[in-house]
Amino acid sequence: MQFGSIIAMLLIGAIAGWLSGKLMKGRGFGLIGNIIVGIVGAFLAGLIFPALGFSVGGGVIASIFHATLGAVILLFLIGLIKRA
């Protein structure tokens, strides 16, 4: 993995984590936590969505959308675990 792709992954993860924190009404974890949630959410979405037949296309906007959906799912699951 090249340095530029790592920076792009972190930026997309940060944006997706921030968006998911806003969508889930303040369930974010700060800047570093949001980056981690965004990256893990993108990985989670990359596993789940193709199995369901869901595709959003390519490009940066599609990557942010994909990662945000995965991060929202991840934040929802974390919220369920915290309540239990």
N, C-alpha and C. Protein backbone atom coordinates (compact mmCIF):
# COMPACT_ATOMS: atom_id res chain seq x y z
N MET A 1 0.84 -1.17 0.00
CA MET A 1 0.00 0.00 0.00
C MET A 1 0.89 1.23 0.00
N GLN A 2 0.59 2.17 -0.86
CA GLN A 2 1.39 3.37 -0.97
C GLN A 2 0.92 4.41 0.04
N PHE A 3 1.80 5.39 0.27
CA PHE A 3 1.51 6.42 1.26
C PHE A 3 0.28 7.23 0.88
N GLY A 4 0.11 7.53 -0.40
CA GLY A 4 -1.04 8.30 -0.86
C GLY A 4 -2.36 7.58 -0.63
N SER A 5 -2.36 6.26 -0.81
CA SER A 5 -3.60 5.51 -0.58
C SER A 5 -3.93 5.41 0.90
N ILE A 6 -2.91 5.39 1.75
CA ILE A 6 -3.15 5.38 3.19
C ILE A 6 -3.77 6.70 3.62
N ILE A 7 -3.24 7.81 3.09
CA ILE A 7 -3.80 9.14 3.41
C ILE A 7 -5.24 9.23 2.91
N ALA A 8 -5.51 8.74 1.70
CA ALA A 8 -6.87 8.78 1.15
C ALA A 8 -7.81 7.94 2.01
N MET A 9 -7.36 6.76 2.45
CA MET A 9 -8.18 5.90 3.29
C MET A 9 -8.49 6.58 4.62
N LEU A 10 -7.51 7.27 5.20
CA LEU A 10 -7.73 7.97 6.46
C LEU A 10 -8.69 9.14 6.28
N LEU A 11 -8.56 9.87 5.18
CA LEU A 11 -9.45 11.01 4.93
C LEU A 11 -10.88 10.54 4.69
N ILE A 12 -11.04 9.51 3.88
CA ILE A 12 -12.39 8.98 3.63
C ILE A 12 -12.96 8.40 4.92
N GLY A 13 -12.14 7.73 5.71
CA GLY A 13 -12.59 7.21 7.00
C GLY A 13 -12.99 8.33 7.95
N ALA A 14 -12.23 9.42 7.96
CA ALA A 14 -12.55 10.55 8.83
C ALA A 14 -13.87 11.20 8.41
N ILE A 15 -14.05 11.40 7.11
CA ILE A 15 -15.29 12.00 6.62
C ILE A 15 -16.47 11.08 6.91
N ALA A 16 -16.31 9.79 6.64
CA ALA A 16 -17.39 8.83 6.89
C ALA A 16 -17.71 8.73 8.37
N GLY A 17 -16.70 8.74 9.21
CA GLY A 17 -16.92 8.68 10.66
C GLY A 17 -17.62 9.92 11.17
N TRP A 18 -17.24 11.09 10.65
CA TRP A 18 -17.89 12.34 11.04
C TRP A 18 -19.35 12.34 10.60
N LEU A 19 -19.59 11.95 9.34
CA LEU A 19 -20.96 11.89 8.83
C LEU A 19 -21.82 10.91 9.62
N SER A 20 -21.25 9.77 9.93
CA SER A 20 -22.03 8.77 10.68
C SER A 20 -22.31 9.25 12.09
N GLY A 21 -21.36 9.98 12.69
CA GLY A 21 -21.60 10.57 14.01
C GLY A 21 -22.73 11.58 13.97
N LYS A 22 -22.80 12.38 12.89
CA LYS A 22 -23.89 13.35 12.74
C LYS A 22 -25.22 12.64 12.48
N LEU A 23 -25.20 11.60 11.65
CA LEU A 23 -26.43 10.88 11.34
C LEU A 23 -26.98 10.12 12.54
N MET A 24 -26.08 9.63 13.38
CA MET A 24 -26.50 8.86 14.55
C MET A 24 -26.63 9.75 15.78
N LYS A 25 -26.75 11.04 15.59
CA LYS A 25 -27.03 12.03 16.63
C LYS A 25 -26.06 11.97 17.81
N GLY A 26 -24.79 12.25 17.52
CA GLY A 26 -23.80 12.42 18.56
C GLY A 26 -23.20 11.16 19.13
N ARG A 27 -23.28 10.05 18.43
CA ARG A 27 -22.68 8.82 18.93
C ARG A 27 -21.24 8.64 18.45
N GLY A 28 -20.61 9.73 18.00
CA GLY A 28 -19.24 9.66 17.53
C GLY A 28 -18.26 9.47 18.68
N PHE A 29 -17.01 9.25 18.34
CA PHE A 29 -15.98 8.98 19.34
C PHE A 29 -14.80 9.93 19.24
N GLY A 30 -14.99 11.14 18.74
CA GLY A 30 -13.89 12.07 18.55
C GLY A 30 -13.20 11.81 17.22
N LEU A 31 -12.19 12.60 16.91
CA LEU A 31 -11.55 12.54 15.59
C LEU A 31 -10.91 11.18 15.33
N ILE A 32 -10.07 10.71 16.22
CA ILE A 32 -9.39 9.42 16.02
C ILE A 32 -10.39 8.28 16.05
N GLY A 33 -11.33 8.32 16.97
CA GLY A 33 -12.36 7.28 17.03
C GLY A 33 -13.22 7.26 15.79
N ASN A 34 -13.54 8.45 15.25
CA ASN A 34 -14.34 8.52 14.03
C ASN A 34 -13.57 7.97 12.83
N ILE A 35 -12.28 8.22 12.76
CA ILE A 35 -11.47 7.66 11.68
C ILE A 35 -11.50 6.14 11.76
N ILE A 36 -11.34 5.61 12.96
CA ILE A 36 -11.34 4.16 13.14
C ILE A 36 -12.72 3.58 12.81
N VAL A 37 -13.78 4.24 13.28
CA VAL A 37 -15.14 3.77 12.98
C VAL A 37 -15.40 3.83 11.48
N GLY A 38 -14.93 4.89 10.81
CA GLY A 38 -15.11 5.01 9.37
C GLY A 38 -14.38 3.94 8.59
N ILE A 39 -13.14 3.64 8.99
CA ILE A 39 -12.36 2.61 8.30
C ILE A 39 -12.95 1.23 8.54
N VAL A 40 -13.29 0.94 9.80
CA VAL A 40 -13.90 -0.36 10.11
C VAL A 40 -15.27 -0.47 9.46
N GLY A 41 -16.01 0.64 9.43
CA GLY A 41 -17.31 0.64 8.77
C GLY A 41 -17.20 0.39 7.28
N ALA A 42 -16.18 0.96 6.65
CA ALA A 42 -15.96 0.71 5.22
C ALA A 42 -15.63 -0.75 4.98
N PHE A 43 -14.82 -1.34 5.85
CA PHE A 43 -14.50 -2.76 5.73
C PHE A 43 -15.75 -3.61 5.93
N LEU A 44 -16.55 -3.27 6.93
CA LEU A 44 -17.79 -3.98 7.19
C LEU A 44 -18.74 -3.88 6.00
N ALA A 45 -18.88 -2.69 5.45
CA ALA A 45 -19.75 -2.50 4.29
C ALA A 45 -19.20 -3.26 3.08
N GLY A 46 -17.89 -3.32 2.95
CA GLY A 46 -17.28 -4.06 1.85
C GLY A 46 -17.54 -5.56 1.93
N LEU A 47 -17.79 -6.06 3.13
CA LEU A 47 -18.13 -7.47 3.29
C LEU A 47 -19.62 -7.73 3.12
N ILE A 48 -20.44 -6.86 3.69
CA ILE A 48 -21.88 -7.10 3.73
C ILE A 48 -22.57 -6.74 2.42
N PHE A 49 -22.30 -5.56 1.88
CA PHE A 49 -23.07 -5.06 0.73
C PHE A 49 -22.92 -5.90 -0.53
N PRO A 50 -21.73 -6.39 -0.89
CA PRO A 50 -21.67 -7.25 -2.08
C PRO A 50 -22.44 -8.57 -1.91
N ALA A 51 -22.47 -9.08 -0.70
CA ALA A 51 -23.23 -10.31 -0.45
C ALA A 51 -24.73 -10.08 -0.62
N LEU A 52 -25.16 -8.84 -0.35
CA LEU A 52 -26.57 -8.50 -0.51
C LEU A 52 -26.90 -8.03 -1.92
N GLY A 53 -25.88 -7.86 -2.74
CA GLY A 53 -26.09 -7.39 -4.11
C GLY A 53 -26.22 -5.89 -4.22
N PHE A 54 -25.77 -5.14 -3.22
CA PHE A 54 -25.87 -3.69 -3.19
C PHE A 54 -24.57 -3.08 -3.69
N SER A 55 -24.65 -2.19 -4.68
CA SER A 55 -23.47 -1.54 -5.23
C SER A 55 -23.76 -0.07 -5.45
N VAL A 56 -22.80 0.79 -5.08
CA VAL A 56 -22.98 2.23 -5.26
C VAL A 56 -22.06 2.79 -6.33
N GLY A 57 -21.25 1.97 -6.96
CA GLY A 57 -20.36 2.44 -8.01
C GLY A 57 -18.96 2.72 -7.49
N GLY A 58 -18.20 3.49 -8.28
CA GLY A 58 -16.83 3.80 -7.91
C GLY A 58 -16.64 5.29 -7.72
N GLY A 59 -15.45 5.68 -7.32
CA GLY A 59 -15.13 7.08 -7.11
C GLY A 59 -15.08 7.44 -5.64
N VAL A 60 -14.68 8.68 -5.40
CA VAL A 60 -14.50 9.14 -4.03
C VAL A 60 -15.84 9.30 -3.32
N ILE A 61 -16.82 9.90 -3.99
CA ILE A 61 -18.13 10.11 -3.37
C ILE A 61 -18.78 8.76 -3.04
N ALA A 62 -18.68 7.81 -3.95
CA ALA A 62 -19.23 6.49 -3.69
C ALA A 62 -18.50 5.81 -2.53
N SER A 63 -17.19 6.01 -2.44
CA SER A 63 -16.43 5.43 -1.33
C SER A 63 -16.86 6.04 0.00
N ILE A 64 -17.08 7.35 0.02
CA ILE A 64 -17.53 8.02 1.24
C ILE A 64 -18.92 7.52 1.62
N PHE A 65 -19.81 7.40 0.64
CA PHE A 65 -21.17 6.90 0.91
C PHE A 65 -21.12 5.48 1.44
N HIS A 66 -20.32 4.65 0.81
CA HIS A 66 -20.16 3.24 1.21
C HIS A 66 -19.62 3.16 2.64
N ALA A 67 -18.57 3.91 2.92
CA ALA A 67 -17.97 3.89 4.25
C ALA A 67 -18.91 4.47 5.30
N THR A 68 -19.69 5.49 4.94
CA THR A 68 -20.63 6.08 5.89
C THR A 68 -21.73 5.10 6.25
N LEU A 69 -22.26 4.39 5.26
CA LEU A 69 -23.28 3.38 5.55
C LEU A 69 -22.73 2.30 6.49
N GLY A 70 -21.52 1.86 6.22
CA GLY A 70 -20.91 0.86 7.09
C GLY A 70 -20.65 1.39 8.49
N ALA A 71 -20.23 2.65 8.59
CA ALA A 71 -19.97 3.25 9.90
C ALA A 71 -21.27 3.45 10.68
N VAL A 72 -22.36 3.81 10.01
CA VAL A 72 -23.65 3.94 10.68
C VAL A 72 -24.09 2.58 11.22
N ILE A 73 -23.92 1.54 10.44
CA ILE A 73 -24.25 0.18 10.91
C ILE A 73 -23.40 -0.17 12.12
N LEU A 74 -22.11 0.16 12.05
CA LEU A 74 -21.20 -0.14 13.16
C LEU A 74 -21.59 0.63 14.42
N LEU A 75 -21.91 1.92 14.29
CA LEU A 75 -22.33 2.71 15.44
C LEU A 75 -23.64 2.19 16.04
N PHE A 76 -24.55 1.74 15.17
CA PHE A 76 -25.79 1.15 15.65
C PHE A 76 -25.50 -0.12 16.47
N LEU A 77 -24.62 -0.96 15.96
CA LEU A 77 -24.27 -2.19 16.68
C LEU A 77 -23.56 -1.90 18.00
N ILE A 78 -22.68 -0.90 18.00
CA ILE A 78 -22.00 -0.50 19.25
C ILE A 78 -23.02 0.01 20.27
N GLY A 79 -24.01 0.78 19.79
CA GLY A 79 -25.06 1.27 20.67
C GLY A 79 -25.88 0.15 21.27
N LEU A 80 -26.16 -0.88 20.47
CA LEU A 80 -26.89 -2.04 20.99
C LEU A 80 -26.08 -2.77 22.06
N ILE A 81 -24.78 -2.90 21.83
CA ILE A 81 -23.94 -3.61 22.79
C ILE A 81 -23.80 -2.81 24.08
N LYS A 82 -23.71 -1.47 23.97
CA LYS A 82 -23.59 -0.64 25.17
C LYS A 82 -24.84 -0.70 26.03
N ARG A 83 -26.01 -0.81 25.40
CA ARG A 83 -27.27 -0.87 26.15
C ARG A 83 -27.46 -2.20 26.87
N ALA A 84 -26.85 -3.25 26.35
CA ALA A 84 -27.05 -4.59 26.92
C ALA A 84 -26.30 -4.76 28.22
